[in-house]
Amino acid sequence: MTEAGGGDLARTVWPAVPAGALVLVPVGSTEQHGPHLPLDTDSVIARAVARRAADTLSGGTAGPPLVAPALVYGASGEHAGFPGTVSIGHEALGAVIVEMVRSLSLWAGRVVLVNGHGGNVATLDVAVGRLRDEGHDVAWTDCDVPGGDAHAGRTETSVMLHLAPATVRLDAAVAGDTRPLAVLLPDLMARGVRAVSPSGVLGDPIGASAAEGRRTVASMVSAVVRRIAADVVDGRGRLVEPSGSPHPKEPHG
C-alpha cells in the first residue's frame, strides 16, 4: 500500500506553502524489528499516521495541514546489539528537533511531532519543552497502541501487514519475551534488547493480520486527530487526551 494524502511538504513548491500552516512531522527510527519486520517500521507507521491524520484534520484559515518528511533516525541505543540499527542518540536527536522547529516556525503556524518510537520519548519531552519555553507553538504526540505489545510483536506486525505487507516476512516471525514492558524496562535500560530477547522481539507476532492492523491504525489516527483538535498540552509538551476521552497508553516501537 502506498500512502498518499496530507499536504506533502517535500513535493510542494514554495509559493504554494500557506502562511501559518499546521505542519505534522513524523518522528521514527531505523532499528531492528526482529527477523520479520523491516528496520524502518517505526518510520513507516509514524508517516502513515501523520498523513492520515492530515487528511482528516481541517487546517482552518491556513488550509489543509502539511506533512513534513519523516525523521528516520532516532534514539535507539537499546537496539545497538543488532546489525542494521542506526541510532543518533538523545543529544543529536534533540538538537535536530530544536533546530528543525525553529526553522519551521519562521513560516508555520503550528508544529506537531507524531512519534512512532518509544525510545524518542525522553528526547521529545526535553526538546519540545525547551521550544515551548522559547515561545514556539509546538507539541508532540505518540502513535498509541492501547493494549499492544512492546516491540515487533503482534501489534506492529499487524500494522505493517496493513501498511506495507511486501516488507513483512511472516515465515521468519518468532515469539520473543512476552512480559509486559513495565516488567522488562529495567533490564532493557541496563542491558539492551538483545540481552532480554536474542531475536529482538518483545511480544509474539503469531496471529497478526492485516485486518487487525487496519483497525489499529484507524485507532492511532483517531487519537492523534482528537488530541491535535483539542490542543491540550501538558508540561512536557505532549498533547493529552481531552476530558472524557480514553486514557493514552505507552508508545510502542
C-alpha atoms as a PDB file:
ATOM      1  CA  MET A   1       0.000   0.000   0.000  1.00  0.00           C
ATOM      2  CA  THR A   2       1.350   3.418  -0.928  1.00  0.00           C
ATOM      3  CA  GLU A   3       0.481   6.205   1.460  1.00  0.00           C
ATOM      4  CA  ALA A   4      -0.822   9.379  -0.111  1.00  0.00           C
ATOM      5  CA  GLY A   5      -2.723  12.353   1.063  1.00  0.00           C
ATOM      6  CA  GLY A   6      -1.973  15.041   3.542  1.00  0.00           C
ATOM      7  CA  GLY A   7      -0.215  18.035   2.007  1.00  0.00           C
ATOM      8  CA  ASP A   8       3.211  16.568   1.209  1.00  0.00           C
ATOM      9  CA  LEU A   9       5.673  19.329   2.138  1.00  0.00           C
ATOM     10  CA  ALA A  10       8.559  17.731   0.242  1.00  0.00           C
ATOM     11  CA  ARG A  11       6.586  17.852  -3.017  1.00  0.00           C
ATOM     12  CA  THR A  12       5.217  21.359  -2.553  1.00  0.00           C
ATOM     13  CA  VAL A  13       6.680  24.402  -4.322  1.00  0.00           C
ATOM     14  CA  TRP A  14       7.409  27.324  -2.021  1.00  0.00           C
ATOM     15  CA  PRO A  15       4.771  29.751  -3.431  1.00  0.00           C
ATOM     16  CA  ALA A  16       2.124  27.114  -2.617  1.00  0.00           C
ATOM     17  CA  VAL A  17       3.090  26.849   1.060  1.00  0.00           C
ATOM     18  CA  PRO A  18       0.421  28.706   3.036  1.00  0.00           C
ATOM     19  CA  ALA A  19       1.491  31.085   5.793  1.00  0.00           C
ATOM     20  CA  GLY A  20       0.574  29.854   9.232  1.00  0.00           C
ATOM     21  CA  ALA A  21       0.108  26.215   8.180  1.00  0.00           C
ATOM     22  CA  LEU A  22      -0.219  23.345  10.637  1.00  0.00           C
ATOM     23  CA  VAL A  23       2.756  21.056   9.983  1.00  0.00           C
ATOM     24  CA  LEU A  24       2.893  17.444  11.133  1.00  0.00           C
ATOM     25  CA  VAL A  25       6.381  15.922  11.433  1.00  0.00           C
ATOM     26  CA  PRO A  26       6.623  12.105  11.639  1.00  0.00           C
ATOM     27  CA  VAL A  27       9.404  11.008  14.008  1.00  0.00           C
ATOM     28  CA  GLY A  28      10.568   7.434  13.639  1.00  0.00           C
ATOM     29  CA  SER A  29      13.709   5.330  13.859  1.00  0.00           C
ATOM     30  CA  THR A  30      15.945   2.947  11.952  1.00  0.00           C
ATOM     31  CA  GLU A  31      16.288  -0.064  14.216  1.00  0.00           C
ATOM     32  CA  GLN A  32      15.866  -3.808  14.314  1.00  0.00           C
ATOM     33  CA  HIS A  33      12.325  -5.141  14.494  1.00  0.00           C
ATOM     34  CA  GLY A  34      13.004  -8.826  14.832  1.00  0.00           C
ATOM     35  CA  PRO A  35      13.782 -11.188  11.963  1.00  0.00           C
ATOM     36  CA  HIS A  36      10.484 -10.467  10.194  1.00  0.00           C
ATOM     37  CA  LEU A  37       9.913  -6.677  10.130  1.00  0.00           C
ATOM     38  CA  PRO A  38      11.978  -4.005   8.337  1.00  0.00           C
ATOM     39  CA  LEU A  39      14.281  -1.546  10.047  1.00  0.00           C
ATOM     40  CA  ASP A  40      12.073   1.400   9.075  1.00  0.00           C
ATOM     41  CA  THR A  41       8.938   0.045  10.790  1.00  0.00           C
ATOM     42  CA  ASP A  42       8.559   2.935  13.250  1.00  0.00           C
ATOM     43  CA  SER A  43       9.103   5.499  10.499  1.00  0.00           C
ATOM     44  CA  VAL A  44       6.550   3.829   8.210  1.00  0.00           C
ATOM     45  CA  ILE A  45       3.964   3.875  10.995  1.00  0.00           C
ATOM     46  CA  ALA A  46       4.628   7.476  12.063  1.00  0.00           C
ATOM     47  CA  ARG A  47       4.470   8.665   8.444  1.00  0.00           C
ATOM     48  CA  ALA A  48       1.215   6.816   7.738  1.00  0.00           C
ATOM     49  CA  VAL A  49      -0.475   8.084  10.901  1.00  0.00           C
ATOM     50  CA  ALA A  50       0.627  11.666  10.222  1.00  0.00           C
ATOM     51  CA  ARG A  51      -0.613  11.577   6.634  1.00  0.00           C
ATOM     52  CA  ARG A  52      -3.973  10.056   7.502  1.00  0.00           C
ATOM     53  CA  ALA A  53      -4.407  12.497  10.369  1.00  0.00           C
ATOM     54  CA  ALA A  54      -3.652  15.366   7.981  1.00  0.00           C
ATOM     55  CA  ASP A  55      -6.336  14.068   5.616  1.00  0.00           C
ATOM     56  CA  THR A  56      -8.870  14.159   8.450  1.00  0.00           C
ATOM     57  CA  LEU A  57      -7.995  17.482  10.052  1.00  0.00           C
ATOM     58  CA  SER A  58      -9.180  20.854   8.896  1.00  0.00           C
ATOM     59  CA  GLY A  59      -6.350  23.349   8.588  1.00  0.00           C
ATOM     60  CA  GLY A  60      -8.669  26.295   9.242  1.00  0.00           C
ATOM     61  CA  THR A  61      -7.817  29.561   7.515  1.00  0.00           C
ATOM     62  CA  ALA A  62      -4.305  28.288   6.666  1.00  0.00           C
ATOM     63  CA  GLY A  63      -5.692  25.421   4.606  1.00  0.00           C
ATOM     64  CA  PRO A  64      -5.031  21.681   4.936  1.00  0.00           C
ATOM     65  CA  PRO A  65      -2.156  20.535   7.182  1.00  0.00           C
ATOM     66  CA  LEU A  66       1.239  19.802   5.656  1.00  0.00           C
ATOM     67  CA  VAL A  67       3.203  16.637   6.393  1.00  0.00           C
ATOM     68  CA  ALA A  68       6.976  17.112   6.543  1.00  0.00           C
ATOM     69  CA  PRO A  69       9.491  14.420   5.596  1.00  0.00           C
ATOM     70  CA  ALA A  70       9.954  11.930   8.428  1.00  0.00           C
ATOM     71  CA  LEU A  71      12.883  11.991  10.819  1.00  0.00           C
ATOM     72  CA  VAL A  72      14.048   8.421  10.245  1.00  0.00           C
ATOM     73  CA  TYR A  73      16.914   8.303  12.763  1.00  0.00           C
ATOM     74  CA  GLY A  74      16.055   8.359  16.436  1.00  0.00           C
ATOM     75  CA  ALA A  75      17.350   7.409  19.862  1.00  0.00           C
ATOM     76  CA  SER A  76      17.638   3.634  19.560  1.00  0.00           C
ATOM     77  CA  GLY A  77      20.629   2.808  21.723  1.00  0.00           C
ATOM     78  CA  GLU A  78      18.801  -0.092  23.348  1.00  0.00           C
ATOM     79  CA  HIS A  79      18.839  -1.856  19.944  1.00  0.00           C
ATOM     80  CA  ALA A  80      22.567  -1.317  19.309  1.00  0.00           C
ATOM     81  CA  GLY A  81      23.321  -5.031  19.637  1.00  0.00           C
ATOM     82  CA  PHE A  82      21.624  -5.737  16.298  1.00  0.00           C
ATOM     83  CA  PRO A  83      23.195  -5.062  12.872  1.00  0.00           C
ATOM     84  CA  GLY A  84      21.257  -2.524  10.822  1.00  0.00           C
ATOM     85  CA  THR A  85      20.267  -0.323  13.734  1.00  0.00           C
ATOM     86  CA  VAL A  86      21.256   3.335  13.298  1.00  0.00           C
ATOM     87  CA  SER A  87      20.864   5.484  16.418  1.00  0.00           C
ATOM     88  CA  ILE A  88      21.850   9.136  16.655  1.00  0.00           C
ATOM     89  CA  GLY A  89      21.193   9.293  20.411  1.00  0.00           C
ATOM     90  CA  HIS A  90      19.282  11.731  22.593  1.00  0.00           C
ATOM     91  CA  GLU A  91      21.616  14.714  22.276  1.00  0.00           C
ATOM     92  CA  ALA A  92      21.767  14.696  18.478  1.00  0.00           C
ATOM     93  CA  LEU A  93      18.066  13.955  18.072  1.00  0.00           C
ATOM     94  CA  GLY A  94      17.205  16.768  20.471  1.00  0.00           C
ATOM     95  CA  ALA A  95      19.393  19.214  18.540  1.00  0.00           C
ATOM     96  CA  VAL A  96      17.754  18.235  15.258  1.00  0.00           C
ATOM     97  CA  ILE A  97      14.258  18.681  16.680  1.00  0.00           C
ATOM     98  CA  VAL A  98      15.074  22.065  18.195  1.00  0.00           C
ATOM     99  CA  GLU A  99      16.674  23.476  15.048  1.00  0.00           C
ATOM    100  CA  MET A 100      14.006  21.988  12.781  1.00  0.00           C
ATOM    101  CA  VAL A 101      11.138  23.525  14.751  1.00  0.00           C
ATOM    102  CA  ARG A 102      12.919  26.879  14.967  1.00  0.00           C
ATOM    103  CA  SER A 103      13.174  26.829  11.178  1.00  0.00           C
ATOM    104  CA  LEU A 104       9.583  25.692  10.644  1.00  0.00           C
ATOM    105  CA  SER A 105       8.361  28.420  12.976  1.00  0.00           C
ATOM    106  CA  LEU A 106       9.580  31.080  10.547  1.00  0.00           C
ATOM    107  CA  TRP A 107       6.546  30.315   8.371  1.00  0.00           C
ATOM    108  CA  ALA A 108       4.400  27.606  10.002  1.00  0.00           C
ATOM    109  CA  GLY A 109       1.662  28.473  12.439  1.00  0.00           C
ATOM    110  CA  ARG A 110       1.804  25.279  14.498  1.00  0.00           C
ATOM    111  CA  VAL A 111       4.010  22.185  14.557  1.00  0.00           C
ATOM    112  CA  VAL A 112       3.048  18.751  15.868  1.00  0.00           C
ATOM    113  CA  LEU A 113       5.591  15.926  16.019  1.00  0.00           C
ATOM    114  CA  VAL A 114       3.995  12.494  15.542  1.00  0.00           C
ATOM    115  CA  ASN A 115       6.215   9.933  17.240  1.00  0.00           C
ATOM    116  CA  GLY A 116       6.455   6.263  16.293  1.00  0.00           C
ATOM    117  CA  HIS A 117       9.311   5.100  18.564  1.00  0.00           C
ATOM    118  CA  GLY A 118       9.175   4.805  22.342  1.00  0.00           C
ATOM    119  CA  GLY A 119      12.921   5.452  22.679  1.00  0.00           C
ATOM    120  CA  ASN A 120      12.388   9.014  21.417  1.00  0.00           C
ATOM    121  CA  VAL A 121      10.054   9.997  24.243  1.00  0.00           C
ATOM    122  CA  ALA A 122      12.616  11.368  26.705  1.00  0.00           C
ATOM    123  CA  THR A 123      14.203  13.471  23.958  1.00  0.00           C
ATOM    124  CA  LEU A 124      10.857  14.823  22.779  1.00  0.00           C
ATOM    125  CA  ASP A 125       9.906  15.815  26.318  1.00  0.00           C
ATOM    126  CA  VAL A 126      13.097  17.837  26.756  1.00  0.00           C
ATOM    127  CA  ALA A 127      13.337  19.335  23.250  1.00  0.00           C
ATOM    128  CA  VAL A 128       9.677  20.274  22.900  1.00  0.00           C
ATOM    129  CA  GLY A 129       9.600  21.670  26.444  1.00  0.00           C
ATOM    130  CA  ARG A 130      12.560  23.873  25.564  1.00  0.00           C
ATOM    131  CA  LEU A 131      10.930  25.036  22.333  1.00  0.00           C
ATOM    132  CA  ARG A 132       7.698  25.900  24.083  1.00  0.00           C
ATOM    133  CA  ASP A 133       9.665  27.917  26.641  1.00  0.00           C
ATOM    134  CA  GLU A 134      11.070  29.837  23.659  1.00  0.00           C
ATOM    135  CA  GLY A 135       7.518  30.650  22.570  1.00  0.00           C
ATOM    136  CA  HIS A 136       7.117  28.217  19.674  1.00  0.00           C
ATOM    137  CA  ASP A 137       3.675  26.700  19.032  1.00  0.00           C
ATOM    138  CA  VAL A 138       4.818  23.089  19.058  1.00  0.00           C
ATOM    139  CA  ALA A 139       3.694  19.871  20.729  1.00  0.00           C
ATOM    140  CA  TRP A 140       4.117  16.145  20.230  1.00  0.00           C
ATOM    141  CA  THR A 141       2.019  13.012  20.366  1.00  0.00           C
ATOM    142  CA  ASP A 142       2.537   9.265  20.086  1.00  0.00           C
ATOM    143  CA  CYS A 143       1.142   6.636  17.762  1.00  0.00           C
ATOM    144  CA  ASP A 144      -0.533   4.922  20.713  1.00  0.00           C
ATOM    145  CA  VAL A 145      -1.469   1.240  20.714  1.00  0.00           C
ATOM    146  CA  PRO A 146      -3.908   0.564  23.575  1.00  0.00           C
ATOM    147  CA  GLY A 147      -3.174  -2.943  24.851  1.00  0.00           C
ATOM    148  CA  GLY A 148      -0.424  -3.518  22.301  1.00  0.00           C
ATOM    149  CA  ASP A 149       2.772  -5.453  22.892  1.00  0.00           C
ATOM    150  CA  ALA A 150       6.102  -3.690  23.170  1.00  0.00           C
ATOM    151  CA  HIS A 151       8.162  -4.266  20.035  1.00  0.00           C
ATOM    152  CA  ALA A 152       7.832  -6.282  16.818  1.00  0.00           C
ATOM    153  CA  GLY A 153       5.056  -8.417  18.280  1.00  0.00           C
ATOM    154  CA  ARG A 154       1.511  -8.921  17.098  1.00  0.00           C
ATOM    155  CA  THR A 155       0.655  -5.206  17.189  1.00  0.00           C
ATOM    156  CA  GLU A 156       3.414  -3.865  14.938  1.00  0.00           C
ATOM    157  CA  THR A 157       3.318  -6.951  12.722  1.00  0.00           C
ATOM    158  CA  SER A 158      -0.404  -6.449  12.108  1.00  0.00           C
ATOM    159  CA  VAL A 159       0.099  -2.748  11.400  1.00  0.00           C
ATOM    160  CA  MET A 160       2.863  -3.478   8.883  1.00  0.00           C
ATOM    161  CA  LEU A 161       0.772  -6.200   7.217  1.00  0.00           C
ATOM    162  CA  HIS A 162      -1.750  -3.424   6.605  1.00  0.00           C
ATOM    163  CA  LEU A 163       0.639  -0.615   5.633  1.00  0.00           C
ATOM    164  CA  ALA A 164       3.499  -2.425   3.883  1.00  0.00           C
ATOM    165  CA  PRO A 165       2.721  -6.145   3.520  1.00  0.00           C
ATOM    166  CA  ALA A 166       5.503  -6.767   0.987  1.00  0.00           C
ATOM    167  CA  THR A 167       8.094  -5.923   3.668  1.00  0.00           C
ATOM    168  CA  VAL A 168       6.835  -8.440   6.247  1.00  0.00           C
ATOM    169  CA  ARG A 169       8.453 -11.897   6.414  1.00  0.00           C
ATOM    170  CA  LEU A 170       5.898 -13.912   8.357  1.00  0.00           C
ATOM    171  CA  ASP A 171       7.822 -17.121   7.683  1.00  0.00           C
ATOM    172  CA  ALA A 172      10.647 -15.732   9.838  1.00  0.00           C
ATOM    173  CA  ALA A 173       8.438 -14.459  12.693  1.00  0.00           C
ATOM    174  CA  VAL A 174       9.230 -15.810  16.155  1.00  0.00           C
ATOM    175  CA  ALA A 175       7.925 -15.095  19.632  1.00  0.00           C
ATOM    176  CA  GLY A 176      10.173 -13.077  21.918  1.00  0.00           C
ATOM    177  CA  ASP A 177       9.950 -12.080  25.555  1.00  0.00           C
ATOM    178  CA  THR A 178       6.234 -11.584  26.191  1.00  0.00           C
ATOM    179  CA  ARG A 179       6.419 -10.000  29.645  1.00  0.00           C
ATOM    180  CA  PRO A 180       4.842  -6.534  29.974  1.00  0.00           C
ATOM    181  CA  LEU A 181       7.056  -3.591  29.080  1.00  0.00           C
ATOM    182  CA  ALA A 182       6.898  -2.261  32.639  1.00  0.00           C
ATOM    183  CA  VAL A 183       8.498  -5.514  33.830  1.00  0.00           C
ATOM    184  CA  LEU A 184      11.103  -5.584  31.033  1.00  0.00           C
ATOM    185  CA  LEU A 185      12.105  -1.930  31.207  1.00  0.00           C
ATOM    186  CA  PRO A 186      14.799  -2.111  33.933  1.00  0.00           C
ATOM    187  CA  ASP A 187      16.638  -4.880  32.045  1.00  0.00           C
ATOM    188  CA  LEU A 188      16.184  -3.124  28.716  1.00  0.00           C
ATOM    189  CA  MET A 189      17.639   0.098  30.062  1.00  0.00           C
ATOM    190  CA  ALA A 190      20.548  -1.636  31.774  1.00  0.00           C
ATOM    191  CA  ARG A 191      21.494  -4.296  29.227  1.00  0.00           C
ATOM    192  CA  GLY A 192      19.693  -3.551  25.952  1.00  0.00           C
ATOM    193  CA  VAL A 193      17.141  -5.527  23.980  1.00  0.00           C
ATOM    194  CA  ARG A 194      19.479  -8.304  22.832  1.00  0.00           C
ATOM    195  CA  ALA A 195      20.208  -9.357  26.409  1.00  0.00           C
ATOM    196  CA  VAL A 196      16.476  -9.753  27.026  1.00  0.00           C
ATOM    197  CA  SER A 197      15.401 -11.140  23.644  1.00  0.00           C
ATOM    198  CA  PRO A 198      18.029 -12.580  21.260  1.00  0.00           C
ATOM    199  CA  SER A 199      15.533 -12.340  18.388  1.00  0.00           C
ATOM    200  CA  GLY A 200      14.843  -8.662  19.097  1.00  0.00           C
ATOM    201  CA  VAL A 201      11.112  -9.322  19.530  1.00  0.00           C
ATOM    202  CA  LEU A 202       9.293  -8.194  22.654  1.00  0.00           C
ATOM    203  CA  GLY A 203       5.921  -9.839  22.273  1.00  0.00           C
ATOM    204  CA  ASP A 204       4.528 -12.542  19.997  1.00  0.00           C
ATOM    205  CA  PRO A 205       3.682 -11.879  16.327  1.00  0.00           C
ATOM    206  CA  ILE A 206       1.650 -15.076  15.997  1.00  0.00           C
ATOM    207  CA  GLY A 207      -1.911 -14.296  14.929  1.00  0.00           C
ATOM    208  CA  ALA A 208      -1.068 -10.934  13.370  1.00  0.00           C
ATOM    209  CA  SER A 209      -3.304  -9.892  10.479  1.00  0.00           C
ATOM    210  CA  ALA A 210      -3.802  -7.007   8.084  1.00  0.00           C
ATOM    211  CA  ALA A 211      -7.385  -6.648   9.307  1.00  0.00           C
ATOM    212  CA  GLU A 212      -6.189  -6.142  12.872  1.00  0.00           C
ATOM    213  CA  GLY A 213      -3.571  -3.717  11.597  1.00  0.00           C
ATOM    214  CA  ARG A 214      -6.216  -1.686   9.763  1.00  0.00           C
ATOM    215  CA  ARG A 215      -8.238  -1.330  12.964  1.00  0.00           C
ATOM    216  CA  THR A 216      -5.134  -0.420  14.956  1.00  0.00           C
ATOM    217  CA  VAL A 217      -4.044   2.269  12.513  1.00  0.00           C
ATOM    218  CA  ALA A 218      -7.567   3.725  12.482  1.00  0.00           C
ATOM    219  CA  SER A 219      -7.424   3.910  16.285  1.00  0.00           C
ATOM    220  CA  MET A 220      -3.997   5.595  16.195  1.00  0.00           C
ATOM    221  CA  VAL A 221      -5.171   8.168  13.675  1.00  0.00           C
ATOM    222  CA  SER A 222      -8.360   8.879  15.601  1.00  0.00           C
ATOM    223  CA  ALA A 223      -6.384   9.518  18.788  1.00  0.00           C
ATOM    224  CA  VAL A 224      -3.891  11.815  17.050  1.00  0.00           C
ATOM    225  CA  VAL A 225      -6.674  13.794  15.356  1.00  0.00           C
ATOM    226  CA  ARG A 226      -8.563  14.104  18.621  1.00  0.00           C
ATOM    227  CA  ARG A 227      -5.529  15.410  20.504  1.00  0.00           C
ATOM    228  CA  ILE A 228      -4.487  17.844  17.794  1.00  0.00           C
ATOM    229  CA  ALA A 229      -8.013  19.224  17.537  1.00  0.00           C
ATOM    230  CA  ALA A 230      -8.316  19.650  21.325  1.00  0.00           C
ATOM    231  CA  ASP A 231      -4.798  21.176  21.605  1.00  0.00           C
ATOM    232  CA  VAL A 232      -4.423  20.371  25.303  1.00  0.00           C
ATOM    233  CA  VAL A 233      -0.713  20.239  26.150  1.00  0.00           C
ATOM    234  CA  ASP A 234       0.944  19.072  29.366  1.00  0.00           C
ATOM    235  CA  GLY A 235       4.082  20.486  30.973  1.00  0.00           C
ATOM    236  CA  ARG A 236       6.365  18.347  28.798  1.00  0.00           C
ATOM    237  CA  GLY A 237       4.820  19.481  25.532  1.00  0.00           C
ATOM    238  CA  ARG A 238       2.760  16.336  24.999  1.00  0.00           C
ATOM    239  CA  LEU A 239      -0.727  16.588  23.555  1.00  0.00           C
ATOM    240  CA  VAL A 240      -3.039  14.877  26.001  1.00  0.00           C
ATOM    241  CA  GLU A 241      -6.479  13.379  25.659  1.00  0.00           C
ATOM    242  CA  PRO A 242      -9.316  15.874  26.004  1.00  0.00           C
ATOM    243  CA  SER A 243     -11.551  15.339  29.002  1.00  0.00           C
ATOM    244  CA  GLY A 244     -13.796  12.320  28.575  1.00  0.00           C
ATOM    245  CA  SER A 245     -11.580  10.555  26.018  1.00  0.00           C
ATOM    246  CA  PRO A 246      -9.813   7.217  26.580  1.00  0.00           C
ATOM    247  CA  HIS A 247      -6.628   7.456  28.617  1.00  0.00           C
ATOM    248  CA  PRO A 248      -3.482   7.309  26.445  1.00  0.00           C
ATOM    249  CA  LYS A 249      -1.239   4.247  26.631  1.00  0.00           C
ATOM    250  CA  GLU A 250       2.506   3.904  26.425  1.00  0.00           C
ATOM    251  CA  PRO A 251       4.034   4.057  22.943  1.00  0.00           C
ATOM    252  CA  HIS A 252       5.295   1.025  21.087  1.00  0.00           C
ATOM    253  CA  GLY A 253       8.414   0.896  18.972  1.00  0.00           C
END
